[in-house]
């Protein structure tokens, strides 16, 4: 699945809590008004995830 390019408005419009798949292992997790981007991937048959934080 290709990654969908989302605008700021589209991200803000996602109100349902939970993990929303954007594609290619990229997810947006919504909890209340907080949003967190992370990736999911597999290494040696072990599922891993990594936060994408802006500094």
C-alpha atoms as a PDB file:
ATOM      1  CA  UNK A   1       0.000   0.000   0.000  1.00  0.00           C
ATOM      2  CA  UNK A   2       1.315   3.428  -0.871  1.00  0.00           C
ATOM      3  CA  UNK A   3       1.577   6.143   1.745  1.00  0.00           C
ATOM      4  CA  UNK A   4      -1.295   8.632   1.610  1.00  0.00           C
ATOM      5  CA  UNK A   5      -0.213  12.245   1.728  1.00  0.00           C
ATOM      6  CA  UNK A   6      -2.352  13.958   4.363  1.00  0.00           C
ATOM      7  CA  UNK A   7      -2.833  17.671   4.843  1.00  0.00           C
ATOM      8  CA  UNK A   8      -2.875  19.292   8.285  1.00  0.00           C
ATOM      9  CA  UNK A   9      -6.657  19.605   7.971  1.00  0.00           C
ATOM     10  CA  UNK A  10      -7.065  15.907   7.176  1.00  0.00           C
ATOM     11  CA  UNK A  11      -4.966  14.927  10.214  1.00  0.00           C
ATOM     12  CA  UNK A  12      -6.951  17.302  12.455  1.00  0.00           C
ATOM     13  CA  UNK A  13     -10.218  15.863  11.091  1.00  0.00           C
ATOM     14  CA  UNK A  14      -9.397  12.372  12.416  1.00  0.00           C
ATOM     15  CA  UNK A  15     -11.365  12.339  15.680  1.00  0.00           C
ATOM     16  CA  UNK A  16     -11.693   8.611  16.441  1.00  0.00           C
ATOM     17  CA  UNK A  17      -9.268   7.329  19.080  1.00  0.00           C
ATOM     18  CA  UNK A  18      -6.993   4.525  17.931  1.00  0.00           C
ATOM     19  CA  UNK A  19      -4.291   3.676  15.427  1.00  0.00           C
ATOM     20  CA  UNK A  20      -4.909   4.774  11.870  1.00  0.00           C
ATOM     21  CA  UNK A  21      -2.827   3.154   9.115  1.00  0.00           C
ATOM     22  CA  UNK A  22      -1.478   5.649   6.597  1.00  0.00           C
ATOM     23  CA  UNK A  23       0.396   3.011   4.593  1.00  0.00           C
ATOM     24  CA  UNK A  24       3.804   1.320   4.306  1.00  0.00           C
ATOM     25  CA  UNK A  25       4.016   0.818   8.091  1.00  0.00           C
ATOM     26  CA  UNK A  26       3.264   4.457   8.956  1.00  0.00           C
ATOM     27  CA  UNK A  27       0.572   5.013  11.603  1.00  0.00           C
ATOM     28  CA  UNK A  28      -1.111   7.935  13.305  1.00  0.00           C
ATOM     29  CA  UNK A  29      -2.263   7.210  16.856  1.00  0.00           C
ATOM     30  CA  UNK A  30      -5.023   9.453  18.207  1.00  0.00           C
ATOM     31  CA  UNK A  31      -5.845   9.655  21.931  1.00  0.00           C
ATOM     32  CA  UNK A  32      -8.202  12.513  22.715  1.00  0.00           C
ATOM     33  CA  UNK A  33      -6.668  15.610  21.156  1.00  0.00           C
ATOM     34  CA  UNK A  34      -3.111  14.148  21.138  1.00  0.00           C
ATOM     35  CA  UNK A  35      -1.586  12.723  17.972  1.00  0.00           C
ATOM     36  CA  UNK A  36       1.527  10.567  17.621  1.00  0.00           C
ATOM     37  CA  UNK A  37       3.230   9.340  14.466  1.00  0.00           C
ATOM     38  CA  UNK A  38       5.039   5.993  14.519  1.00  0.00           C
ATOM     39  CA  UNK A  39       6.241   3.228  12.229  1.00  0.00           C
ATOM     40  CA  UNK A  40       5.720  -0.531  12.581  1.00  0.00           C
ATOM     41  CA  UNK A  41       8.207  -2.978  11.119  1.00  0.00           C
ATOM     42  CA  UNK A  42       9.485  -6.541  11.557  1.00  0.00           C
ATOM     43  CA  UNK A  43      13.077  -7.567  12.333  1.00  0.00           C
ATOM     44  CA  UNK A  44      13.917 -11.289  12.550  1.00  0.00           C
ATOM     45  CA  UNK A  45      10.219 -12.186  12.988  1.00  0.00           C
ATOM     46  CA  UNK A  46       9.842  -9.714  15.886  1.00  0.00           C
ATOM     47  CA  UNK A  47       7.384  -6.846  15.553  1.00  0.00           C
ATOM     48  CA  UNK A  48       8.868  -3.444  16.437  1.00  0.00           C
ATOM     49  CA  UNK A  49       7.718   0.163  16.418  1.00  0.00           C
ATOM     50  CA  UNK A  50       9.473   3.505  16.411  1.00  0.00           C
ATOM     51  CA  UNK A  51       8.163   6.952  17.350  1.00  0.00           C
ATOM     52  CA  UNK A  52       8.659   9.754  14.867  1.00  0.00           C
ATOM     53  CA  UNK A  53       9.326  12.811  16.984  1.00  0.00           C
ATOM     54  CA  UNK A  54      10.123  16.278  15.793  1.00  0.00           C
ATOM     55  CA  UNK A  55      12.758  18.186  17.737  1.00  0.00           C
END
